[in-house]
Amino acid sequence: MTVARSAMAAVQDTAEVQDTAGQTGKAGSEPPLDKNLPFEAALAELEDIVRRLEKGDVALDESVAIYERGELLKRHCEALLQRAEARIQTITTDPAGRATGTAPLDVE
């Protein structure tokens, strides 16, 4: 079993706790993310964590810690994407092709 998979198994076996911000975290994990962290910065940090875990030369304790951080970053990025999708609108037109207003974008 690789270190990354060992870390993932250890994290899944760890009891979850609620932090003061109401986010789910792990006992002893890093503080929650800054809610103002830009998507690009969060994604870059998440990609770095994935590279480090895939490389497999990180100690088990550190693997668990960075995996937990990665989970927080993943949820943060997903939330930012959902908010962005909710803001995207399409221009509605009448039969003659004239703009009549906007409507939420149907992403399905």
Protein backbone atom coordinates (compact mmCIF):
# COMPACT_ATOMS: atom_id res chain seq x y z
CA MET A 1 0.00 0.00 0.00
CA THR A 2 1.42 3.38 -0.93
CA VAL A 3 1.88 6.14 1.62
CA ALA A 4 -0.90 8.15 -0.05
CA ARG A 5 -3.34 5.26 0.24
CA SER A 6 -2.24 4.65 3.83
CA ALA A 7 -2.90 8.31 4.59
CA MET A 8 -6.31 8.15 2.96
CA ALA A 9 -7.25 5.09 5.01
CA ALA A 10 -6.03 6.70 8.21
CA VAL A 11 -8.00 9.86 7.53
CA GLN A 12 -11.17 7.91 6.83
CA ASP A 13 -10.76 6.05 10.14
CA THR A 14 -10.25 9.28 12.10
CA ALA A 15 -13.31 10.66 13.92
CA GLU A 16 -14.62 13.91 12.48
CA VAL A 17 -15.18 16.93 14.67
CA GLN A 18 -16.92 20.26 14.13
CA ASP A 19 -14.62 23.28 14.26
CA THR A 20 -15.72 26.71 15.45
CA ALA A 21 -16.55 27.83 11.89
CA GLY A 22 -19.00 24.95 11.51
CA GLN A 23 -16.87 23.15 8.93
CA THR A 24 -16.19 19.48 9.29
CA GLY A 25 -12.57 18.74 10.05
CA LYS A 26 -10.40 16.21 11.81
CA ALA A 27 -9.10 16.36 15.33
CA GLY A 28 -5.70 18.06 15.23
CA SER A 29 -6.08 19.25 11.65
CA GLU A 30 -5.00 22.62 10.33
CA PRO A 31 -7.34 25.55 10.89
CA PRO A 32 -10.15 25.96 8.37
CA LEU A 33 -9.48 27.72 5.09
CA ASP A 34 -9.88 31.44 4.67
CA LYS A 35 -13.26 31.75 2.95
CA ASN A 36 -11.77 34.52 0.79
CA LEU A 37 -9.04 32.26 -0.64
CA PRO A 38 -9.23 32.69 -4.44
CA PHE A 39 -10.14 29.65 -6.52
CA GLU A 40 -6.85 29.70 -8.42
CA ALA A 41 -4.76 29.75 -5.21
CA ALA A 42 -6.80 26.94 -3.66
CA LEU A 43 -6.53 24.84 -6.82
CA ALA A 44 -2.77 25.39 -7.07
CA GLU A 45 -2.30 24.30 -3.45
CA LEU A 46 -4.53 21.27 -4.02
CA GLU A 47 -2.54 20.27 -7.10
CA ASP A 48 0.68 20.55 -5.09
CA ILE A 49 -0.77 18.28 -2.40
CA VAL A 50 -1.79 15.69 -4.98
CA ARG A 51 1.71 15.73 -6.50
CA ARG A 52 3.31 15.28 -3.09
CA LEU A 53 1.00 12.39 -2.16
CA GLU A 54 1.43 10.68 -5.54
CA LYS A 55 5.21 10.96 -5.26
CA GLY A 56 4.95 8.85 -2.09
CA ASP A 57 7.97 10.18 -0.20
CA VAL A 58 6.02 12.05 2.50
CA ALA A 59 5.96 10.69 6.04
CA LEU A 60 2.66 9.14 7.14
CA ASP A 61 1.79 11.85 9.67
CA GLU A 62 2.47 14.58 7.12
CA SER A 63 0.52 12.64 4.47
CA VAL A 64 -2.51 12.57 6.76
CA ALA A 65 -2.20 16.30 7.49
CA ILE A 66 -1.85 17.36 3.86
CA TYR A 67 -4.62 14.96 2.79
CA GLU A 68 -6.93 16.68 5.31
CA ARG A 69 -5.89 20.07 3.94
CA GLY A 70 -6.59 18.78 0.44
CA GLU A 71 -10.10 17.76 1.46
CA LEU A 72 -10.76 21.28 2.76
CA LEU A 73 -9.37 22.79 -0.43
CA LYS A 74 -11.50 20.47 -2.58
CA ARG A 75 -14.69 21.45 -0.76
CA HIS A 76 -13.72 25.13 -1.00
CA CYS A 77 -13.14 24.89 -4.77
CA GLU A 78 -16.42 23.03 -5.27
CA ALA A 79 -18.32 25.72 -3.33
CA LEU A 80 -16.71 28.50 -5.38
CA LEU A 81 -17.59 26.73 -8.63
CA GLN A 82 -21.20 26.24 -7.52
CA ARG A 83 -21.47 29.94 -6.69
CA ALA A 84 -20.01 30.87 -10.08
CA GLU A 85 -22.44 28.57 -11.90
CA ALA A 86 -25.36 30.13 -10.03
CA ARG A 87 -24.29 33.58 -11.26
CA ILE A 88 -24.06 32.66 -14.93
CA GLN A 89 -27.13 33.63 -16.89
CA THR A 90 -28.24 33.29 -20.47
CA ILE A 91 -29.79 36.02 -22.55
CA THR A 92 -33.35 35.19 -23.54
CA THR A 93 -34.72 36.28 -26.89
CA ASP A 94 -38.12 36.60 -28.52
CA PRO A 95 -38.98 34.78 -31.79
CA ALA A 96 -37.49 37.66 -33.76
CA GLY A 97 -34.16 37.26 -31.96
CA ARG A 98 -34.38 40.43 -29.87
CA ALA A 99 -33.06 40.24 -26.31
CA THR A 100 -35.90 40.11 -23.79
CA GLY A 101 -34.02 39.49 -20.54
CA THR A 102 -31.96 36.88 -18.79
CA ALA A 103 -32.58 33.47 -17.26
CA PRO A 104 -30.45 31.12 -15.15
CA LEU A 105 -28.11 28.96 -17.17
CA ASP A 106 -29.24 25.34 -17.40
CA VAL A 107 -25.98 23.44 -16.82
CA GLU A 108 -27.46 19.97 -17.24
